[in-house]
Structure formats: C-alpha cells, structure tokens
Amino acid sequence: MRYRLIGVLGGMGPAATVHFLDLLVRLVKASRDQEHARWVALCDPTIPDRSEAILSGGESPLGAMVEGALRLKSAGAELLAMPCNTAHLWAEEVQRAVELPMVSIVKATLKGVRSLGFRSALLLSTEATARSGLYQRFAPLFGVKLYLPGFEEQQGVNEVIRLVKAGDLAGARGVLGRLLPPLREAYPFECVVGGCTEIPLVFDGRWAPFVDSSSELAKAALALSRGEEVGELLV
C-alpha cells in the first residue's frame, strides 16, 4: 500500500508534535519500513500563541499557520493534520488557503468518543478552546454531551498545560491528579477528552477512561492517507 503524503503542521507545542508523530508510526501495522505511512512535518514553535490571540487580543497565528501549511504543500503533502486543538479555531481559513484536505482534530476526537461507546465526556482543554465553543459546536453532530470544568477547575487545567509546555511533566501530572477526583464528583461524565494535545502527555489512564485527541487525529489522518472515506471528519 502506498500512503498519500501526510503534512503535519506542528510546533504547537513541540512535545505534543513529537507525540503525534510517534502515533503515526505506532498506529500502523507494519513489518518493515516500506509498509509505514509517509509524512512530512514542520515543527514551528514560533507560531504566535493561539490562546493569547483569543483571550488577550494577541497576534493572530493565522499568517504563520498558512505559511507553514504552504511549505508542507510545496514539500509534496497531499493532506494536512494539525496536532493542536486551539489552532483549529483557524483551521477553515488554513484549509481554504492551502487547498488540501485537512482532518479536523475536533471531529475526529468526538467520533472517537462515540466509537468507544461513550455519550458524555469531560473536556480538558485550553481556556481559549473551552470559551470559543469549538467542541460544543460539533458535539451534537456526534451525539456527545460535553461537560466543561468550572472557572477554578479551568485554572488548574491551564496550569497543567503550562507545566507540560515548560517540560515539568511530573508537576503537571500531580496537578491533574488532584483535579480529577472533584471533577468526577461534580459531573456525571463517562470519559475524559484530552482536548489539548499536551494533556495526553501526562494523563494517567487509571484516573478515568480517556480519549486522546492526538491519537484520534492520527487515526483519521492515516485513514485518509490510505484513501478511505473520512468526509465527516474533514475541516
């Protein structure tokens, strides 16, 4: 099988991008190099902060994201995957600019929730993703009821993400481990969605059933690369 070349627009953040690339390898059943998927990646951590753009009126990341996507297209990419949830607030503009099929991490993740038999989920994401309604917009299409942390709990989630980006995985795991028990008592969710690609780097599966947005994006990108029909999961 010859995979279509996947273009990975990464760097948001770098560790999450590495996790996603690892998934593109591990999710393929291959016995030799030639059976693996083909991909080209751009890891550009200088893309302006997505949350600051939404919450504080900071510099828009759109121009840098479009530039990166066009570089991937010039390198031969035939489809795009962007392992950052908050960045998907600009995904439609990026896709229109580059004119390549692009997998939606949000739609792929919500489909993953339902594929596992869950109908409700706690969304752990950046504050910008939560406030923007990005997941809330598509959740009804997949029959998923979402629960979002309250204000104080969201500040804890923000701290988890900050610590992961700073390389303090142990500290992030400790904060997240303290957050989950009261959230489980407050909301009747069936699973937790890692709606920020930093969350899977520190989530302990013993805490609750977990849906990794990076993993669901990788599965969908690989399916599209194989030529499978994934129209409902495109941006």
Protein backbone atom coordinates (compact mmCIF):
# COMPACT_ATOMS: atom_id res chain seq x y z
CA MET A 1 0.00 0.00 0.00
CA ARG A 2 1.27 3.47 -0.86
CA TYR A 3 0.10 6.13 1.58
CA ARG A 4 -0.66 9.64 0.42
CA LEU A 5 1.88 12.03 1.93
CA ILE A 6 0.61 13.50 5.22
CA GLY A 7 1.71 17.05 6.01
CA VAL A 8 1.96 17.71 9.75
CA LEU A 9 1.72 21.35 10.80
CA GLY A 10 3.32 21.17 14.23
CA GLY A 11 5.19 23.04 16.91
CA MET A 12 2.04 23.91 18.90
CA GLY A 13 3.65 22.65 21.13
CA PRO A 14 6.79 20.72 20.20
CA ALA A 15 6.36 17.83 22.67
CA ALA A 16 2.78 17.31 21.52
CA THR A 17 4.00 17.23 17.92
CA VAL A 18 6.54 14.52 18.76
CA HIS A 19 3.77 12.52 20.46
CA PHE A 20 1.65 12.81 17.31
CA LEU A 21 4.49 11.71 15.02
CA ASP A 22 5.11 8.72 17.28
CA LEU A 23 1.44 7.80 16.90
CA LEU A 24 1.74 7.94 13.10
CA VAL A 25 4.33 5.19 13.47
CA ARG A 26 2.76 3.09 16.23
CA LEU A 27 -0.75 3.04 14.77
CA VAL A 28 0.41 1.39 11.54
CA LYS A 29 0.67 -2.39 11.49
CA ALA A 30 3.92 -2.80 9.60
CA SER A 31 6.57 -5.50 9.48
CA ARG A 32 9.11 -3.44 7.54
CA ASP A 33 9.95 0.18 6.76
CA GLN A 34 8.21 0.20 3.40
CA GLU A 35 4.82 -0.57 4.96
CA HIS A 36 4.73 2.59 7.07
CA ALA A 37 2.86 5.81 6.33
CA ARG A 38 4.57 8.65 4.51
CA TRP A 39 4.63 12.04 6.22
CA VAL A 40 6.49 15.32 6.24
CA ALA A 41 6.42 17.53 9.33
CA LEU A 42 7.05 21.17 10.10
CA CYS A 43 7.64 21.93 13.78
CA ASP A 44 7.46 25.71 14.13
CA PRO A 45 7.21 26.79 17.78
CA THR A 46 7.45 30.46 16.73
CA ILE A 47 3.81 30.42 15.59
CA PRO A 48 2.11 33.07 17.79
CA ASP A 49 0.31 31.79 20.87
CA ARG A 50 -3.21 30.69 20.00
CA SER A 51 -4.67 31.26 23.45
CA GLU A 52 -3.22 34.76 23.74
CA ALA A 53 -4.75 35.63 20.37
CA ILE A 54 -8.21 34.55 21.56
CA LEU A 55 -8.17 35.65 25.19
CA SER A 56 -5.95 38.74 25.14
CA GLY A 57 -6.12 40.08 21.60
CA GLY A 58 -2.57 38.94 20.90
CA GLU A 59 -1.01 38.45 17.48
CA SER A 60 -3.01 36.16 15.23
CA PRO A 61 -1.29 32.87 14.38
CA LEU A 62 -3.15 32.58 11.08
CA GLY A 63 -0.44 34.03 8.84
CA ALA A 64 2.26 31.78 10.25
CA MET A 65 -0.03 28.75 10.08
CA VAL A 66 -0.88 29.40 6.43
CA GLU A 67 2.81 29.92 5.63
CA GLY A 68 3.65 26.61 7.29
CA ALA A 69 0.85 24.77 5.50
CA LEU A 70 2.01 26.13 2.15
CA ARG A 71 5.54 24.95 2.89
CA LEU A 72 4.19 21.47 3.53
CA LYS A 73 2.24 21.59 0.28
CA SER A 74 5.41 22.65 -1.56
CA ALA A 75 7.16 19.66 0.01
CA GLY A 76 4.58 17.37 -1.57
CA ALA A 77 1.98 17.00 1.18
CA GLU A 78 -1.35 15.71 -0.14
CA LEU A 79 -3.34 16.22 3.07
CA LEU A 80 -2.88 18.09 6.33
CA ALA A 81 -3.04 17.28 10.03
CA MET A 82 -2.53 19.88 12.75
CA PRO A 83 -1.98 18.39 16.24
CA CYS A 84 -3.22 21.39 18.20
CA ASN A 85 -6.83 21.80 19.27
CA THR A 86 -6.89 25.56 19.83
CA ALA A 87 -5.26 26.12 16.43
CA HIS A 88 -8.37 24.60 14.86
CA LEU A 89 -10.14 27.88 15.52
CA TRP A 90 -8.33 28.96 12.33
CA ALA A 91 -8.45 25.59 10.56
CA GLU A 92 -11.06 26.57 7.99
CA GLU A 93 -9.00 29.59 6.88
CA VAL A 94 -5.84 27.49 6.66
CA GLN A 95 -7.59 24.82 4.60
CA ARG A 96 -9.03 27.37 2.18
CA ALA A 97 -5.62 28.99 1.73
CA VAL A 98 -3.73 25.77 1.05
CA GLU A 99 -6.49 23.89 -0.83
CA LEU A 100 -5.63 20.47 0.58
CA PRO A 101 -7.92 18.14 2.53
CA MET A 102 -7.42 18.70 6.25
CA VAL A 103 -8.54 16.42 9.07
CA SER A 104 -10.37 18.09 11.96
CA ILE A 105 -8.95 17.07 15.33
CA VAL A 106 -12.25 18.08 16.94
CA LYS A 107 -14.47 15.94 14.72
CA ALA A 108 -12.06 13.00 14.87
CA THR A 109 -11.99 13.16 18.67
CA LEU A 110 -15.76 13.35 19.04
CA LYS A 111 -16.13 10.40 16.69
CA GLY A 112 -13.61 8.56 18.85
CA VAL A 113 -15.75 9.19 21.93
CA ARG A 114 -18.78 7.63 20.26
CA SER A 115 -16.78 4.78 18.72
CA LEU A 116 -15.77 3.76 22.23
CA GLY A 117 -19.42 3.68 23.25
CA PHE A 118 -19.44 6.85 25.34
CA ARG A 119 -22.14 9.50 25.15
CA SER A 120 -20.75 12.05 27.60
CA ALA A 121 -17.29 13.47 28.19
CA LEU A 122 -15.39 15.93 30.33
CA LEU A 123 -13.43 18.30 28.09
CA LEU A 124 -9.95 19.19 29.33
CA SER A 125 -8.66 21.90 27.01
CA THR A 126 -7.12 25.34 26.93
CA GLU A 127 -9.36 28.08 28.21
CA ALA A 128 -9.48 29.50 24.68
CA THR A 129 -10.80 26.23 23.26
CA ALA A 130 -13.38 25.95 26.02
CA ARG A 131 -14.58 29.55 25.71
CA SER A 132 -14.69 29.52 21.92
CA GLY A 133 -17.23 26.70 21.78
CA LEU A 134 -15.08 24.77 19.32
CA TYR A 135 -16.05 21.36 20.71
CA GLN A 136 -19.55 22.47 21.71
CA ARG A 137 -20.22 23.38 18.07
CA PHE A 138 -19.72 19.82 16.81
CA ALA A 139 -20.59 17.66 19.83
CA PRO A 140 -24.33 17.41 18.99
CA LEU A 141 -23.48 16.12 15.50
CA PHE A 142 -21.79 13.12 17.11
CA GLY A 143 -24.32 12.66 19.90
CA VAL A 144 -21.89 13.60 22.66
CA LYS A 145 -22.82 15.58 25.77
CA LEU A 146 -19.91 17.69 26.97
CA TYR A 147 -19.07 18.79 30.48
CA LEU A 148 -16.62 21.65 30.99
CA PRO A 149 -14.67 22.46 34.16
CA GLY A 150 -15.83 25.46 36.16
CA PHE A 151 -13.73 28.61 36.39
CA GLU A 152 -11.49 27.46 39.25
CA GLU A 153 -11.00 23.99 37.78
CA GLN A 154 -10.14 25.52 34.40
CA GLN A 155 -7.35 27.50 36.03
CA GLY A 156 -5.97 24.17 37.19
CA VAL A 157 -6.18 22.76 33.67
CA ASN A 158 -4.38 25.87 32.40
CA GLU A 159 -1.61 25.18 34.90
CA VAL A 160 -1.31 21.57 33.74
CA ILE A 161 -0.85 22.74 30.15
CA ARG A 162 1.65 25.42 31.19
CA LEU A 163 3.74 22.90 33.12
CA VAL A 164 3.79 20.43 30.22
CA LYS A 165 4.95 23.16 27.84
CA ALA A 166 7.67 24.05 30.38
CA GLY A 167 8.83 20.43 30.48
CA ASP A 168 7.65 19.72 34.04
CA LEU A 169 5.68 16.55 33.36
CA ALA A 170 5.80 15.35 36.96
CA GLY A 171 4.42 18.63 38.22
CA ALA A 172 1.71 18.64 35.57
CA ARG A 173 0.72 15.08 36.40
CA GLY A 174 0.46 15.98 40.07
CA VAL A 175 -1.82 18.95 39.42
CA LEU A 176 -4.02 16.92 37.08
CA GLY A 177 -4.25 14.05 39.55
CA ARG A 178 -5.59 16.44 42.18
CA LEU A 179 -8.08 17.99 39.76
CA LEU A 180 -9.78 14.81 38.59
CA PRO A 181 -11.43 13.48 41.80
CA PRO A 182 -13.58 16.59 42.47
CA LEU A 183 -14.47 16.82 38.78
CA ARG A 184 -15.65 13.20 38.85
CA GLU A 185 -17.86 14.03 41.81
CA ALA A 186 -19.24 17.18 40.16
CA TYR A 187 -20.05 15.86 36.68
CA PRO A 188 -21.52 12.51 35.51
CA PHE A 189 -19.18 12.11 32.53
CA GLU A 190 -18.27 8.70 31.11
CA CYS A 191 -14.84 9.60 29.78
CA VAL A 192 -12.30 12.41 29.66
CA VAL A 193 -11.34 14.07 26.38
CA GLY A 194 -7.79 15.37 26.11
CA GLY A 195 -8.91 18.43 24.17
CA CYS A 196 -5.43 19.91 24.31
CA THR A 197 -2.58 17.89 22.85
CA GLU A 198 -0.47 18.49 25.98
CA ILE A 199 -2.95 16.62 28.20
CA PRO A 200 -2.22 13.10 26.82
CA LEU A 201 1.43 13.53 27.79
CA VAL A 202 0.53 13.39 31.49
CA PHE A 203 -2.88 11.72 31.76
CA ASP A 204 -2.95 8.50 33.78
CA GLY A 205 -5.47 6.05 32.32
CA ARG A 206 -6.22 4.75 35.81
CA TRP A 207 -7.97 8.03 36.62
CA ALA A 208 -10.78 7.64 34.06
CA PRO A 209 -11.43 6.34 30.54
CA PHE A 210 -9.51 8.67 28.25
CA VAL A 211 -9.83 9.80 24.63
CA ASP A 212 -6.57 11.24 23.26
CA SER A 213 -7.25 13.89 20.61
CA SER A 214 -3.78 13.34 19.11
CA SER A 215 -4.45 9.64 18.71
CA GLU A 216 -7.84 10.19 17.11
CA LEU A 217 -6.34 12.75 14.71
CA ALA A 218 -3.59 10.30 13.79
CA LYS A 219 -6.09 7.51 13.12
CA ALA A 220 -8.17 9.76 10.87
CA ALA A 221 -5.14 11.14 9.01
CA LEU A 222 -3.84 7.63 8.38
CA ALA A 223 -7.26 6.53 7.12
CA LEU A 224 -7.41 9.47 4.71
CA SER A 225 -3.85 8.76 3.62
CA ARG A 226 -4.87 5.18 2.78
CA GLY A 227 -7.68 6.51 0.61
CA GLU A 228 -10.51 5.67 3.00
CA GLU A 229 -13.65 7.80 3.15
CA VAL A 230 -13.46 10.19 6.11
CA GLY A 231 -15.52 13.07 4.74
CA GLU A 232 -17.36 13.70 8.01
CA LEU A 233 -14.02 14.28 9.73
CA LEU A 234 -12.63 16.92 7.37
CA VAL A 235 -12.38 20.61 8.17
